[in-house]
PDB file of N, CA and C in Angstrom:
ATOM      1  N   MET A   1       0.838  -1.176   0.000  1.00  0.00           N
ATOM      2  CA  MET A   1       0.000   0.000   0.000  1.00  0.00           C
ATOM      3  C   MET A   1       0.877   1.231   0.000  1.00  0.00           C
ATOM      4  N   SER A   2       0.365   2.274  -0.586  1.00  0.00           N
ATOM      5  CA  SER A   2       1.156   3.497  -0.635  1.00  0.00           C
ATOM      6  C   SER A   2       0.301   4.661  -0.161  1.00  0.00           C
ATOM      7  N   LEU A   3       0.972   5.707   0.258  1.00  0.00           N
ATOM      8  CA  LEU A   3       0.259   6.903   0.708  1.00  0.00           C
ATOM      9  C   LEU A   3      -0.090   7.751  -0.489  1.00  0.00           C
ATOM     10  N   SER A   4      -1.332   8.201  -0.546  1.00  0.00           N
ATOM     11  CA  SER A   4      -1.726   9.114  -1.609  1.00  0.00           C
ATOM     12  C   SER A   4      -1.416  10.534  -1.171  1.00  0.00           C
ATOM     13  N   LYS A   5      -1.677  11.508  -2.033  1.00  0.00           N
ATOM     14  CA  LYS A   5      -1.360  12.906  -1.727  1.00  0.00           C
ATOM     15  C   LYS A   5      -2.031  13.385  -0.451  1.00  0.00           C
ATOM     16  N   GLY A   6      -3.201  12.907  -0.158  1.00  0.00           N
ATOM     17  CA  GLY A   6      -3.932  13.330   1.020  1.00  0.00           C
ATOM     18  C   GLY A   6      -3.451  12.644   2.291  1.00  0.00           C
ATOM     19  N   GLY A   7      -2.469  11.786   2.203  1.00  0.00           N
ATOM     20  CA  GLY A   7      -1.947  11.100   3.369  1.00  0.00           C
ATOM     21  C   GLY A   7      -2.703   9.833   3.712  1.00  0.00           C
ATOM     22  N   HIS A   8      -3.658   9.455   2.871  1.00  0.00           N
ATOM     23  CA  HIS A   8      -4.447   8.249   3.127  1.00  0.00           C
ATOM     24  C   HIS A   8      -3.812   7.060   2.437  1.00  0.00           C
ATOM     25  N   MET A   9      -4.072   5.911   2.989  1.00  0.00           N
ATOM     26  CA  MET A   9      -3.587   4.683   2.380  1.00  0.00           C
ATOM     27  C   MET A   9      -4.498   4.335   1.206  1.00  0.00           C
ATOM     28  N   SER A  10      -3.923   3.956   0.095  1.00  0.00           N
ATOM     29  CA  SER A  10      -4.728   3.546  -1.050  1.00  0.00           C
ATOM     30  C   SER A  10      -4.354   2.112  -1.413  1.00  0.00           C
ATOM     31  N   LYS A  11      -5.344   1.370  -1.847  1.00  0.00           N
ATOM     32  CA  LYS A  11      -5.109  -0.016  -2.243  1.00  0.00           C
ATOM     33  C   LYS A  11      -4.988  -0.057  -3.760  1.00  0.00           C
ATOM     34  N   ARG A  12      -4.012  -0.787  -4.226  1.00  0.00           N
ATOM     35  CA  ARG A  12      -3.854  -0.971  -5.661  1.00  0.00           C
ATOM     36  C   ARG A  12      -4.464  -2.304  -6.041  1.00  0.00           C
ATOM     37  N   LYS A  13      -5.214  -2.285  -7.101  1.00  0.00           N
ATOM     38  CA  LYS A  13      -5.774  -3.528  -7.605  1.00  0.00           C
ATOM     39  C   LYS A  13      -4.793  -4.103  -8.614  1.00  0.00           C
ATOM     40  N   THR A  14      -4.529  -5.374  -8.464  1.00  0.00           N
ATOM     41  CA  THR A  14      -3.640  -6.025  -9.410  1.00  0.00           C
ATOM     42  C   THR A  14      -4.490  -6.738 -10.454  1.00  0.00           C
ATOM     43  N   ALA A  15      -4.075  -6.615 -11.681  1.00  0.00           N
ATOM     44  CA  ALA A  15      -4.807  -7.260 -12.767  1.00  0.00           C
ATOM     45  C   ALA A  15      -4.517  -8.753 -12.744  1.00  0.00           C
ATOM     46  N   ARG A  16      -5.549  -9.545 -12.943  1.00  0.00           N
ATOM     47  CA  ARG A  16      -5.367 -10.994 -13.014  1.00  0.00           C
ATOM     48  C   ARG A  16      -4.848 -11.359 -14.386  1.00  0.00           C
ATOM     49  N   VAL A  17      -3.829 -12.153 -14.410  1.00  0.00           N
ATOM     50  CA  VAL A  17      -3.245 -12.582 -15.670  1.00  0.00           C
ATOM     51  C   VAL A  17      -3.828 -13.942 -16.030  1.00  0.00           C
ATOM     52  N   ARG A  18      -4.360 -14.041 -17.223  1.00  0.00           N
ATOM     53  CA  ARG A  18      -4.919 -15.305 -17.682  1.00  0.00           C
ATOM     54  C   ARG A  18      -3.790 -16.168 -18.224  1.00  0.00           C
ATOM     55  N   ARG A  19      -3.633 -17.337 -17.628  1.00  0.00           N
ATOM     56  CA  ARG A  19      -2.570 -18.233 -18.059  1.00  0.00           C
ATOM     57  C   ARG A  19      -3.000 -18.969 -19.312  1.00  0.00           C
ATOM     58  N   THR A  20      -2.062 -19.180 -20.199  1.00  0.00           N
ATOM     59  CA  THR A  20      -2.334 -19.969 -21.404  1.00  0.00           C
ATOM     60  C   THR A  20      -1.395 -21.169 -21.403  1.00  0.00           C
ATOM     61  N   PHE A  21      -1.863 -22.230 -21.969  1.00  0.00           N
ATOM     62  CA  PHE A  21      -1.097 -23.470 -21.982  1.00  0.00           C
ATOM     63  C   PHE A  21      -0.948 -23.951 -23.416  1.00  0.00           C
ATOM     64  N   THR A  22       0.222 -24.442 -23.740  1.00  0.00           N
ATOM     65  CA  THR A  22       0.474 -24.936 -25.088  1.00  0.00           C
ATOM     66  C   THR A  22      -0.237 -26.269 -25.283  1.00  0.00           C
ATOM     67  N   PRO A  23      -0.541 -26.602 -26.533  1.00  0.00           N
ATOM     68  CA  PRO A  23      -1.149 -27.910 -26.798  1.00  0.00           C
ATOM     69  C   PRO A  23      -0.269 -29.065 -26.287  1.00  0.00           C
ATOM     70  N   GLN A  24       1.058 -28.900 -26.358  1.00  0.00           N
ATOM     71  CA  GLN A  24       1.952 -29.955 -25.868  1.00  0.00           C
ATOM     72  C   GLN A  24       1.827 -30.126 -24.357  1.00  0.00           C
ATOM     73  N   PHE A  25       1.712 -29.016 -23.613  1.00  0.00           N
ATOM     74  CA  PHE A  25       1.535 -29.089 -22.161  1.00  0.00           C
ATOM     75  C   PHE A  25       0.252 -29.847 -21.840  1.00  0.00           C
ATOM     76  N   LYS A  26      -0.816 -29.544 -22.575  1.00  0.00           N
ATOM     77  CA  LYS A  26      -2.103 -30.204 -22.344  1.00  0.00           C
ATOM     78  C   LYS A  26      -2.005 -31.702 -22.614  1.00  0.00           C
ATOM     79  N   LYS A  27      -1.333 -32.052 -23.718  1.00  0.00           N
ATOM     80  CA  LYS A  27      -1.175 -33.470 -24.049  1.00  0.00           C
ATOM     81  C   LYS A  27      -0.343 -34.185 -22.991  1.00  0.00           C
ATOM     82  N   ASP A  28       0.715 -33.539 -22.520  1.00  0.00           N
ATOM     83  CA  ASP A  28       1.556 -34.145 -21.487  1.00  0.00           C
ATOM     84  C   ASP A  28       0.766 -34.343 -20.188  1.00  0.00           C
ATOM     85  N   ALA A  29      -0.038 -33.345 -19.824  1.00  0.00           N
ATOM     86  CA  ALA A  29      -0.852 -33.443 -18.611  1.00  0.00           C
ATOM     87  C   ALA A  29      -1.841 -34.595 -18.740  1.00  0.00           C
ATOM     88  N   LEU A  30      -2.478 -34.698 -19.905  1.00  0.00           N
ATOM     89  CA  LEU A  30      -3.432 -35.786 -20.117  1.00  0.00           C
ATOM     90  C   LEU A  30      -2.726 -37.139 -20.179  1.00  0.00           C
ATOM     91  N   GLY A  31      -1.490 -37.140 -20.631  1.00  0.00           N
ATOM     92  CA  GLY A  31      -0.708 -38.372 -20.636  1.00  0.00           C
ATOM     93  C   GLY A  31      -0.490 -38.891 -19.225  1.00  0.00           C
ATOM     94  N   LEU A  32      -0.288 -37.973 -18.281  1.00  0.00           N
ATOM     95  CA  LEU A  32      -0.138 -38.381 -16.882  1.00  0.00           C
ATOM     96  C   LEU A  32      -1.422 -39.003 -16.362  1.00  0.00           C
ATOM     97  N   VAL A  33      -2.556 -38.403 -16.735  1.00  0.00           N
ATOM     98  CA  VAL A  33      -3.854 -38.936 -16.304  1.00  0.00           C
ATOM     99  C   VAL A  33      -4.082 -40.309 -16.941  1.00  0.00           C
ATOM    100  N   ASN A  34      -3.807 -40.411 -18.227  1.00  0.00           N
ATOM    101  CA  ASN A  34      -4.003 -41.689 -18.914  1.00  0.00           C
ATOM    102  C   ASN A  34      -3.022 -42.744 -18.439  1.00  0.00           C
ATOM    103  N   GLY A  35      -1.941 -42.314 -17.811  1.00  0.00           N
ATOM    104  CA  GLY A  35      -0.961 -43.247 -17.267  1.00  0.00           C
ATOM    105  C   GLY A  35      -1.357 -43.816 -15.923  1.00  0.00           C
ATOM    106  N   GLY A  36      -2.520 -43.417 -15.416  1.00  0.00           N
ATOM    107  CA  GLY A  36      -3.013 -44.012 -14.183  1.00  0.00           C
ATOM    108  C   GLY A  36      -3.118 -43.063 -13.002  1.00  0.00           C
ATOM    109  N   ARG A  37      -2.624 -41.850 -13.129  1.00  0.00           N
ATOM    110  CA  ARG A  37      -2.736 -40.899 -12.024  1.00  0.00           C
ATOM    111  C   ARG A  37      -4.109 -40.238 -12.064  1.00  0.00           C
ATOM    112  N   SER A  38      -4.583 -39.794 -10.916  1.00  0.00           N
ATOM    113  CA  SER A  38      -5.903 -39.172 -10.857  1.00  0.00           C
ATOM    114  C   SER A  38      -5.838 -37.746 -11.393  1.00  0.00           C
ATOM    115  N   VAL A  39      -6.976 -37.270 -11.886  1.00  0.00           N
ATOM    116  CA  VAL A  39      -7.083 -35.910 -12.395  1.00  0.00           C
ATOM    117  C   VAL A  39      -6.731 -34.916 -11.288  1.00  0.00           C
ATOM    118  N   THR A  40      -7.228 -35.176 -10.091  1.00  0.00           N
ATOM    119  CA  THR A  40      -6.974 -34.282  -8.956  1.00  0.00           C
ATOM    120  C   THR A  40      -5.486 -34.206  -8.640  1.00  0.00           C
ATOM    121  N   GLU A  41      -4.824 -35.344  -8.624  1.00  0.00           N
ATOM    122  CA  GLU A  41      -3.397 -35.404  -8.302  1.00  0.00           C
ATOM    123  C   GLU A  41      -2.561 -34.664  -9.354  1.00  0.00           C
ATOM    124  N   VAL A  42      -2.855 -34.918 -10.627  1.00  0.00           N
ATOM    125  CA  VAL A  42      -2.104 -34.271 -11.705  1.00  0.00           C
ATOM    126  C   VAL A  42      -2.328 -32.762 -11.672  1.00  0.00           C
ATOM    127  N   ALA A  43      -3.578 -32.351 -11.499  1.00  0.00           N
ATOM    128  CA  ALA A  43      -3.886 -30.913 -11.461  1.00  0.00           C
ATOM    129  C   ALA A  43      -3.140 -30.237 -10.314  1.00  0.00           C
ATOM    130  N   ARG A  44      -3.140 -30.856  -9.145  1.00  0.00           N
ATOM    131  CA  ARG A  44      -2.442 -30.288  -7.995  1.00  0.00           C
ATOM    132  C   ARG A  44      -0.945 -30.184  -8.266  1.00  0.00           C
ATOM    133  N   ASP A  45      -0.354 -31.244  -8.814  1.00  0.00           N
ATOM    134  CA  ASP A  45       1.080 -31.253  -9.083  1.00  0.00           C
ATOM    135  C   ASP A  45       1.478 -30.204 -10.123  1.00  0.00           C
ATOM    136  N   LEU A  46       0.602 -29.965 -11.097  1.00  0.00           N
ATOM    137  CA  LEU A  46       0.909 -28.993 -12.153  1.00  0.00           C
ATOM    138  C   LEU A  46       0.485 -27.577 -11.790  1.00  0.00           C
ATOM    139  N   GLY A  47      -0.254 -27.422 -10.705  1.00  0.00           N
ATOM    140  CA  GLY A  47      -0.690 -26.097 -10.283  1.00  0.00           C
ATOM    141  C   GLY A  47      -1.797 -25.524 -11.143  1.00  0.00           C
ATOM    142  N   ILE A  48      -2.668 -26.409 -11.634  1.00  0.00           N
ATOM    143  CA  ILE A  48      -3.805 -25.953 -12.439  1.00  0.00           C
ATOM    144  C   ILE A  48      -5.096 -26.430 -11.786  1.00  0.00           C
ATOM    145  N   ALA A  49      -6.196 -25.838 -12.211  1.00  0.00           N
ATOM    146  CA  ALA A  49      -7.498 -26.207 -11.661  1.00  0.00           C
ATOM    147  C   ALA A  49      -7.893 -27.603 -12.141  1.00  0.00           C
ATOM    148  N   ARG A  50      -8.479 -28.358 -11.231  1.00  0.00           N
ATOM    149  CA  ARG A  50      -8.942 -29.704 -11.568  1.00  0.00           C
ATOM    150  C   ARG A  50      -9.970 -29.654 -12.693  1.00  0.00           C
ATOM    151  N   SER A  51     -10.859 -28.661 -12.631  1.00  0.00           N
ATOM    152  CA  SER A  51     -11.905 -28.544 -13.649  1.00  0.00           C
ATOM    153  C   SER A  51     -11.306 -28.268 -15.025  1.00  0.00           C
ATOM    154  N   LEU A  52     -10.198 -27.535 -15.070  1.00  0.00           N
ATOM    155  CA  LEU A  52      -9.543 -27.252 -16.344  1.00  0.00           C
ATOM    156  C   LEU A  52      -8.984 -28.534 -16.949  1.00  0.00           C
ATOM    157  N   LEU A  53      -8.314 -29.324 -16.132  1.00  0.00           N
ATOM    158  CA  LEU A  53      -7.762 -30.589 -16.613  1.00  0.00           C
ATOM    159  C   LEU A  53      -8.880 -31.537 -17.032  1.00  0.00           C
ATOM    160  N   GLN A  54      -9.980 -31.534 -16.282  1.00  0.00           N
ATOM    161  CA  GLN A  54     -11.125 -32.378 -16.635  1.00  0.00           C
ATOM    162  C   GLN A  54     -11.698 -31.955 -17.990  1.00  0.00           C
ATOM    163  N   ARG A  55     -11.761 -30.645 -18.219  1.00  0.00           N
ATOM    164  CA  ARG A  55     -12.277 -30.131 -19.503  1.00  0.00           C
ATOM    165  C   ARG A  55     -11.369 -30.567 -20.651  1.00  0.00           C
ATOM    166  N   TRP A  56     -10.055 -30.486 -20.458  1.00  0.00           N
ATOM    167  CA  TRP A  56      -9.120 -30.939 -21.490  1.00  0.00           C
ATOM    168  C   TRP A  56      -9.323 -32.417 -21.778  1.00  0.00           C
ATOM    169  N   LYS A  57      -9.540 -33.194 -20.721  1.00  0.00           N
ATOM    170  CA  LYS A  57      -9.746 -34.636 -20.880  1.00  0.00           C
ATOM    171  C   LYS A  57     -10.999 -34.908 -21.705  1.00  0.00           C
ATOM    172  N   GLU A  58     -12.085 -34.204 -21.395  1.00  0.00           N
ATOM    173  CA  GLU A  58     -13.331 -34.378 -22.134  1.00  0.00           C
ATOM    174  C   GLU A  58     -13.158 -33.970 -23.587  1.00  0.00           C
ATOM    175  N   GLN A  59     -12.427 -32.895 -23.833  1.00  0.00           N
ATOM    176  CA  GLN A  59     -12.195 -32.453 -25.203  1.00  0.00           C
ATOM    177  C   GLN A  59     -11.377 -33.485 -25.968  1.00  0.00           C
ATOM    178  N   MET A  60     -10.395 -34.064 -25.308  1.00  0.00           N
ATOM    179  CA  MET A  60      -9.540 -35.038 -25.961  1.00  0.00           C
ATOM    180  C   MET A  60     -10.299 -36.327 -26.265  1.00  0.00           C
ATOM    181  N   GLU A  61     -11.321 -36.630 -25.464  1.00  0.00           N
ATOM    182  CA  GLU A  61     -12.103 -37.854 -25.660  1.00  0.00           C
ATOM    183  C   GLU A  61     -13.113 -37.711 -26.786  1.00  0.00           C
ATOM    184  N   GLY A  62     -13.084 -36.602 -27.505  1.00  0.00           N
ATOM    185  CA  GLY A  62     -13.935 -36.476 -28.671  1.00  0.00           C
ATOM    186  C   GLY A  62     -15.115 -35.552 -28.515  1.00  0.00           C
ATOM    187  N   ARG A  63     -15.248 -34.929 -27.385  1.00  0.00           N
ATOM    188  CA  ARG A  63     -16.365 -34.010 -27.194  1.00  0.00           C
ATOM    189  C   ARG A  63     -15.875 -32.575 -27.353  1.00  0.00           C
ATOM    190  N   GLY A  64     -15.341 -32.250 -28.509  1.00  0.00           N
ATOM    191  CA  GLY A  64     -14.931 -30.881 -28.742  1.00  0.00           C
ATOM    192  C   GLY A  64     -13.590 -30.739 -29.427  1.00  0.00           C
ATOM    193  N   GLY A  65     -13.010 -31.826 -29.878  1.00  0.00           N
ATOM    194  CA  GLY A  65     -11.764 -31.715 -30.623  1.00  0.00           C
ATOM    195  C   GLY A  65     -10.560 -31.541 -29.737  1.00  0.00           C
ATOM    196  N   GLU A  66      -9.562 -30.927 -30.298  1.00  0.00           N
ATOM    197  CA  GLU A  66      -8.278 -30.704 -29.627  1.00  0.00           C
ATOM    198  C   GLU A  66      -8.443 -29.767 -28.446  1.00  0.00           C
ATOM    199  N   PRO A  67      -7.814 -30.057 -27.300  1.00  0.00           N
ATOM    200  CA  PRO A  67      -7.908 -29.140 -26.169  1.00  0.00           C
ATOM    201  C   PRO A  67      -7.388 -27.761 -26.549  1.00  0.00           C
ATOM    202  N   GLY A  68      -8.160 -26.756 -26.217  1.00  0.00           N
ATOM    203  CA  GLY A  68      -7.742 -25.390 -26.497  1.00  0.00           C
ATOM    204  C   GLY A  68      -7.987 -24.952 -27.915  1.00  0.00           C
ATOM    205  N   SER A  69      -8.697 -25.762 -28.705  1.00  0.00           N
ATOM    206  CA  SER A  69      -8.925 -25.392 -30.095  1.00  0.00           C
ATOM    207  C   SER A  69     -10.001 -24.321 -30.226  1.00  0.00           C
ATOM    208  N   GLY A  70     -10.760 -24.095 -29.162  1.00  0.00           N
ATOM    209  CA  GLY A  70     -11.810 -23.086 -29.213  1.00  0.00           C
ATOM    210  C   GLY A  70     -13.089 -23.593 -29.852  1.00  0.00           C
ATOM    211  N   LYS A  71     -13.088 -24.856 -30.252  1.00  0.00           N
ATOM    212  CA  LYS A  71     -14.283 -25.425 -30.867  1.00  0.00           C
ATOM    213  C   LYS A  71     -15.299 -25.745 -29.783  1.00  0.00           C
ATOM    214  N   PRO A  72     -16.573 -25.417 -30.018  1.00  0.00           N
ATOM    215  CA  PRO A  72     -17.575 -25.754 -29.005  1.00  0.00           C
ATOM    216  C   PRO A  72     -17.770 -27.257 -28.935  1.00  0.00           C
ATOM    217  N   THR A  73     -18.158 -27.709 -27.762  1.00  0.00           N
ATOM    218  CA  THR A  73     -18.407 -29.133 -27.622  1.00  0.00           C
ATOM    219  C   THR A  73     -19.707 -29.485 -28.336  1.00  0.00           C
ATOM    220  N   THR A  74     -19.694 -30.612 -28.999  1.00  0.00           N
ATOM    221  CA  THR A  74     -20.888 -31.077 -29.697  1.00  0.00           C
ATOM    222  C   THR A  74     -21.139 -32.505 -29.272  1.00  0.00           C
ATOM    223  N   GLY A  75     -22.368 -32.909 -29.344  1.00  0.00           N
ATOM    224  CA  GLY A  75     -22.687 -34.277 -28.976  1.00  0.00           C
ATOM    225  C   GLY A  75     -24.187 -34.454 -28.903  1.00  0.00           C
ATOM    226  N   THR A  76     -24.575 -35.655 -28.680  1.00  0.00           N
ATOM    227  CA  THR A  76     -25.993 -35.943 -28.568  1.00  0.00           C
ATOM    228  C   THR A  76     -26.480 -35.520 -27.196  1.00  0.00           C
ATOM    229  N   ASP A  77     -27.784 -35.485 -27.061  1.00  0.00           N
ATOM    230  CA  ASP A  77     -28.368 -35.122 -25.770  1.00  0.00           C
ATOM    231  C   ASP A  77     -27.950 -36.106 -24.679  1.00  0.00           C
ATOM    232  N   ALA A  78     -27.892 -37.379 -25.011  1.00  0.00           N
ATOM    233  CA  ALA A  78     -27.501 -38.383 -24.025  1.00  0.00           C
ATOM    234  C   ALA A  78     -26.070 -38.153 -23.547  1.00  0.00           C
ATOM    235  N   GLU A  79     -25.180 -37.812 -24.475  1.00  0.00           N
ATOM    236  CA  GLU A  79     -23.794 -37.532 -24.086  1.00  0.00           C
ATOM    237  C   GLU A  79     -23.723 -36.284 -23.213  1.00  0.00           C
ATOM    238  N   ASP A  80     -24.518 -35.284 -23.574  1.00  0.00           N
ATOM    239  CA  ASP A  80     -24.537 -34.052 -22.790  1.00  0.00           C
ATOM    240  C   ASP A  80     -25.033 -34.310 -21.369  1.00  0.00           C
ATOM    241  N   VAL A  81     -26.072 -35.103 -21.249  1.00  0.00           N
ATOM    242  CA  VAL A  81     -26.623 -35.430 -19.929  1.00  0.00           C
ATOM    243  C   VAL A  81     -25.586 -36.197 -19.123  1.00  0.00           C
ATOM    244  N   ARG A  82     -24.918 -37.160 -19.752  1.00  0.00           N
ATOM    245  CA  ARG A  82     -23.891 -37.932 -19.063  1.00  0.00           C
ATOM    246  C   ARG A  82     -22.752 -37.033 -18.585  1.00  0.00           C
ATOM    247  N   ALA A  83     -22.323 -36.126 -19.451  1.00  0.00           N
ATOM    248  CA  ALA A  83     -21.234 -35.205 -19.083  1.00  0.00           C
ATOM    249  C   ALA A  83     -21.665 -34.281 -17.940  1.00  0.00           C
ATOM    250  N   LEU A  84     -22.902 -33.814 -17.997  1.00  0.00           N
ATOM    251  CA  LEU A  84     -23.399 -32.931 -16.940  1.00  0.00           C
ATOM    252  C   LEU A  84     -23.525 -33.665 -15.613  1.00  0.00           C
ATOM    253  N   ARG A  85     -23.959 -34.918 -15.666  1.00  0.00           N
ATOM    254  CA  ARG A  85     -24.055 -35.707 -14.433  1.00  0.00           C
ATOM    255  C   ARG A  85     -22.667 -35.926 -13.824  1.00  0.00           C
ATOM    256  N   GLN A  86     -21.685 -36.197 -14.677  1.00  0.00           N
ATOM    257  CA  GLN A  86     -20.317 -36.378 -14.192  1.00  0.00           C
ATOM    258  C   GLN A  86     -19.805 -35.074 -13.579  1.00  0.00           C
ATOM    259  N   LYS A  87     -20.067 -33.970 -14.240  1.00  0.00           N
ATOM    260  CA  LYS A  87     -19.636 -32.665 -13.726  1.00  0.00           C
ATOM    261  C   LYS A  87     -20.306 -32.384 -12.381  1.00  0.00           C
ATOM    262  N   LEU A  88     -21.598 -32.716 -12.266  1.00  0.00           N
ATOM    263  CA  LEU A  88     -22.318 -32.525 -11.010  1.00  0.00           C
ATOM    264  C   LEU A  88     -21.697 -33.370  -9.898  1.00  0.00           C
ATOM    265  N   ARG A  89     -21.339 -34.629 -10.209  1.00  0.00           N
ATOM    266  CA  ARG A  89     -20.682 -35.486  -9.217  1.00  0.00           C
ATOM    267  C   ARG A  89     -19.357 -34.865  -8.775  1.00  0.00           C
ATOM    268  N   ASP A  90     -18.586 -34.367  -9.736  1.00  0.00           N
ATOM    269  CA  ASP A  90     -17.287 -33.758  -9.410  1.00  0.00           C
ATOM    270  C   ASP A  90     -17.459 -32.529  -8.529  1.00  0.00           C
ATOM    271  N   VAL A  91     -18.389 -31.667  -8.897  1.00  0.00           N
ATOM    272  CA  VAL A  91     -18.596 -30.432  -8.144  1.00  0.00           C
ATOM    273  C   VAL A  91     -19.148 -30.734  -6.752  1.00  0.00           C
ATOM    274  N   THR A  92     -20.036 -31.715  -6.666  1.00  0.00           N
ATOM    275  CA  THR A  92     -20.586 -32.114  -5.366  1.00  0.00           C
ATOM    276  C   THR A  92     -19.480 -32.663  -4.474  1.00  0.00           C
ATOM    277  N   GLU A  93     -18.597 -33.465  -5.049  1.00  0.00           N
ATOM    278  CA  GLU A  93     -17.475 -34.005  -4.281  1.00  0.00           C
ATOM    279  C   GLU A  93     -16.563 -32.877  -3.788  1.00  0.00           C
ATOM    280  N   GLU A  94     -16.270 -31.925  -4.660  1.00  0.00           N
ATOM    281  CA  GLU A  94     -15.428 -30.791  -4.265  1.00  0.00           C
ATOM    282  C   GLU A  94     -16.088 -29.988  -3.151  1.00  0.00           C
ATOM    283  N   ARG A  95     -17.398 -29.769  -3.266  1.00  0.00           N
ATOM    284  CA  ARG A  95     -18.129 -29.027  -2.237  1.00  0.00           C
ATOM    285  C   ARG A  95     -18.076 -29.743  -0.896  1.00  0.00           C
ATOM    286  N   ASP A  96     -18.277 -31.059  -0.928  1.00  0.00           N
ATOM    287  CA  ASP A  96     -18.251 -31.835   0.309  1.00  0.00           C
ATOM    288  C   ASP A  96     -16.878 -31.785   0.979  1.00  0.00           C
ATOM    289  N   ILE A  97     -15.834 -31.835   0.171  1.00  0.00           N
ATOM    290  CA  ILE A  97     -14.476 -31.728   0.715  1.00  0.00           C
ATOM    291  C   ILE A  97     -14.276 -30.371   1.370  1.00  0.00           C
ATOM    292  N   LEU A  98     -14.740 -29.319   0.710  1.00  0.00           N
ATOM    293  CA  LEU A  98     -14.600 -27.975   1.274  1.00  0.00           C
ATOM    294  C   LEU A  98     -15.408 -27.816   2.555  1.00  0.00           C
ATOM    295  N   LYS A  99     -16.589 -28.422   2.610  1.00  0.00           N
ATOM    296  CA  LYS A  99     -17.397 -28.365   3.825  1.00  0.00           C
ATOM    297  C   LYS A  99     -16.673 -29.029   4.990  1.00  0.00           C
ATOM    298  N   LYS A 100     -16.075 -30.191   4.722  1.00  0.00           N
ATOM    299  CA  LYS A 100     -15.341 -30.910   5.768  1.00  0.00           C
ATOM    300  C   LYS A 100     -14.141 -30.103   6.225  1.00  0.00           C
ATOM    301  N   ALA A 101     -13.458 -29.470   5.282  1.00  0.00           N
ATOM    302  CA  ALA A 101     -12.298 -28.656   5.642  1.00  0.00           C
ATOM    303  C   ALA A 101     -12.723 -27.458   6.477  1.00  0.00           C
ATOM    304  N   LEU A 102     -13.829 -26.846   6.112  1.00  0.00           N
ATOM    305  CA  LEU A 102     -14.337 -25.701   6.869  1.00  0.00           C
ATOM    306  C   LEU A 102     -14.693 -26.117   8.291  1.00  0.00           C
ATOM    307  N   ALA A 103     -15.366 -27.253   8.434  1.00  0.00           N
ATOM    308  CA  ALA A 103     -15.726 -27.743   9.766  1.00  0.00           C
ATOM    309  C   ALA A 103     -14.474 -28.064  10.575  1.00  0.00           C
ATOM    310  N   TYR A 104     -13.491 -28.665   9.940  1.00  0.00           N
ATOM    311  CA  TYR A 104     -12.243 -29.005  10.628  1.00  0.00           C
ATOM    312  C   TYR A 104     -11.549 -27.754  11.148  1.00  0.00           C
ATOM    313  N   PHE A 105     -11.406 -26.748  10.284  1.00  0.00           N
ATOM    314  CA  PHE A 105     -10.706 -25.543  10.701  1.00  0.00           C
ATOM    315  C   PHE A 105     -11.533 -24.706  11.673  1.00  0.00           C
ATOM    316  N   ALA A 106     -12.842 -24.780  11.590  1.00  0.00           N
ATOM    317  CA  ALA A 106     -13.696 -24.062  12.552  1.00  0.00           C
ATOM    318  C   ALA A 106     -13.518 -24.685  13.938  1.00  0.00           C
ATOM    319  N   ASP A 107     -13.460 -26.012  14.031  1.00  0.00           N
ATOM    320  CA  ASP A 107     -13.228 -26.696  15.301  1.00  0.00           C
ATOM    321  C   ASP A 107     -11.828 -26.398  15.825  1.00  0.00           C
ATOM    322  N   ASP A 108     -10.885 -26.272  14.930  1.00  0.00           N
ATOM    323  CA  ASP A 108      -9.494 -26.010  15.299  1.00  0.00           C
ATOM    324  C   ASP A 108      -9.331 -24.624  15.931  1.00  0.00           C
ATOM    325  N   GLN A 109     -10.206 -23.700  15.592  1.00  0.00           N
ATOM    326  CA  GLN A 109     -10.135 -22.323  16.111  1.00  0.00           C
ATOM    327  C   GLN A 109     -10.610 -22.230  17.556  1.00  0.00           C
ATOM    328  N   LYS A 110     -11.389 -23.217  18.006  1.00  0.00           N
ATOM    329  CA  LYS A 110     -11.962 -23.171  19.355  1.00  0.00           C
ATOM    330  C   LYS A 110     -10.957 -23.503  20.415  1.00  0.00           C
TER     331      LYS A 110
END
């Protein structure tokens, strides 16, 4: 923080930088997943969001072409429903983990 002319503290907002990944990085990351490691483990080790790696995996499996190609996902309604159900399971699991962590740290504060 820095002092402005009036002697008050001012907060500077930092711009968020959008990270971009090369197609080779995406293929290598998916290679780790296809080699038997979990999506969560690979994402954590690479410092990327689990949902991002999951999206690359879905794109590579034929629901949208090459990862990062910018092509919209296409598929039948049944495939869309299946993908949405899987996404719901993933998000529900993440939420439950966060709830448990919140309860753990709330108890730890007492």
